[in-house]
Amino acid sequence: MANTAQAEKRARQAQAQRAHNMSLRSTLRTAVKKVRKAVVAGDKSAAQEVFRASTAVIDSIADKKIIHKNTAARTKSRLSAAIKGMAA
């Protein structure tokens, strides 16, 4: 438990920042799920369109250091490979 005014304020700020980060992480997971759902549906053009939008979300969240840049790159690579593996 915080004993000083400064520590109490930092605890409040940390709580707010954590909530914001969790929201961004949720947005990231939703974007990835949309691409995977499009791949399962079998529509390659729709999957590519959703992938383009999701790539922007993934990069944005990596730029904010919510996830590591290598994690973002790996995620995009796997999604891209899934789309390329689809039947044309």
Protein backbone atom coordinates (compact mmCIF):
# COMPACT_ATOMS: atom_id res chain seq x y z
CA MET A 1 0.00 0.00 0.00
CA ALA A 2 1.25 3.46 -0.90
CA ASN A 3 2.37 5.55 2.08
CA THR A 4 3.10 8.88 0.43
CA ALA A 5 1.10 11.19 -1.80
CA GLN A 6 3.58 10.58 -4.60
CA ALA A 7 3.26 6.80 -4.29
CA GLU A 8 -0.54 7.05 -4.23
CA LYS A 9 -0.52 9.13 -7.39
CA ARG A 10 1.84 6.70 -9.14
CA ALA A 11 -0.45 3.82 -8.13
CA ARG A 12 -3.42 5.64 -9.69
CA GLN A 13 -1.46 6.38 -12.85
CA ALA A 14 -0.27 2.79 -13.12
CA GLN A 15 -3.84 1.54 -12.78
CA ALA A 16 -5.06 3.87 -15.53
CA GLN A 17 -2.16 2.96 -17.83
CA ARG A 18 -2.78 -0.74 -17.25
CA ALA A 19 -6.43 -0.35 -18.26
CA HIS A 20 -5.38 1.50 -21.42
CA ASN A 21 -2.78 -1.14 -22.30
CA MET A 22 -5.31 -3.96 -21.76
CA SER A 23 -7.73 -2.18 -24.11
CA LEU A 24 -5.07 -1.93 -26.82
CA ARG A 25 -4.09 -5.57 -26.34
CA SER A 26 -7.74 -6.56 -26.72
CA THR A 27 -7.93 -4.56 -29.97
CA LEU A 28 -4.87 -6.44 -31.19
CA ARG A 29 -6.36 -9.85 -30.40
CA THR A 30 -9.60 -8.90 -32.15
CA ALA A 31 -7.71 -7.82 -35.28
CA VAL A 32 -5.83 -11.12 -35.41
CA LYS A 33 -9.04 -13.10 -34.87
CA LYS A 34 -10.72 -11.27 -37.78
CA VAL A 35 -7.93 -12.35 -40.13
CA ARG A 36 -8.01 -15.94 -38.91
CA LYS A 37 -11.81 -16.01 -39.31
CA ALA A 38 -11.50 -14.72 -42.89
CA VAL A 39 -8.90 -17.40 -43.67
CA VAL A 40 -11.17 -20.14 -42.32
CA ALA A 41 -14.07 -18.75 -44.37
CA GLY A 42 -11.97 -19.35 -47.48
CA ASP A 43 -12.34 -15.95 -49.18
CA LYS A 44 -8.80 -14.96 -50.09
CA SER A 45 -9.55 -11.40 -51.25
CA ALA A 46 -11.53 -10.65 -48.08
CA ALA A 47 -8.75 -12.15 -45.97
CA GLN A 48 -6.18 -9.94 -47.69
CA GLU A 49 -8.32 -6.85 -47.09
CA VAL A 50 -8.77 -7.66 -43.39
CA PHE A 51 -5.04 -8.45 -43.15
CA ARG A 52 -4.16 -4.98 -44.48
CA ALA A 53 -6.30 -3.33 -41.81
CA SER A 54 -4.97 -5.63 -39.10
CA THR A 55 -1.37 -4.93 -40.08
CA ALA A 56 -1.91 -1.25 -39.32
CA VAL A 57 -3.34 -2.13 -35.89
CA ILE A 58 -0.49 -4.53 -35.10
CA ASP A 59 2.17 -1.99 -36.12
CA SER A 60 0.50 0.78 -34.15
CA ILE A 61 0.41 -1.29 -30.98
CA ALA A 62 4.03 -2.37 -31.46
CA ASP A 63 5.05 1.29 -31.91
CA LYS A 64 3.45 2.04 -28.53
CA LYS A 65 5.53 -0.80 -27.03
CA ILE A 66 2.44 -2.70 -25.86
CA ILE A 67 3.94 -5.73 -27.61
CA HIS A 68 7.52 -6.24 -28.78
CA LYS A 69 8.29 -5.40 -32.40
CA ASN A 70 9.45 -8.97 -33.04
CA THR A 71 6.15 -10.31 -31.71
CA ALA A 72 4.34 -8.00 -34.12
CA ALA A 73 6.53 -9.15 -37.01
CA ARG A 74 6.00 -12.81 -36.14
CA THR A 75 2.24 -12.37 -35.90
CA LYS A 76 2.06 -10.60 -39.26
CA SER A 77 4.29 -13.24 -40.84
CA ARG A 78 2.11 -16.10 -39.63
CA LEU A 79 -1.08 -14.41 -40.78
CA SER A 80 0.47 -13.67 -44.17
CA ALA A 81 1.60 -17.29 -44.52
CA ALA A 82 -1.92 -18.48 -43.68
CA ILE A 83 -3.37 -16.26 -46.41
CA LYS A 84 -0.75 -17.35 -48.96
CA GLY A 85 -1.51 -20.97 -48.12
CA MET A 86 -5.16 -20.56 -49.05
CA ALA A 87 -6.46 -21.95 -52.31
CA ALA A 88 -6.78 -19.25 -54.94
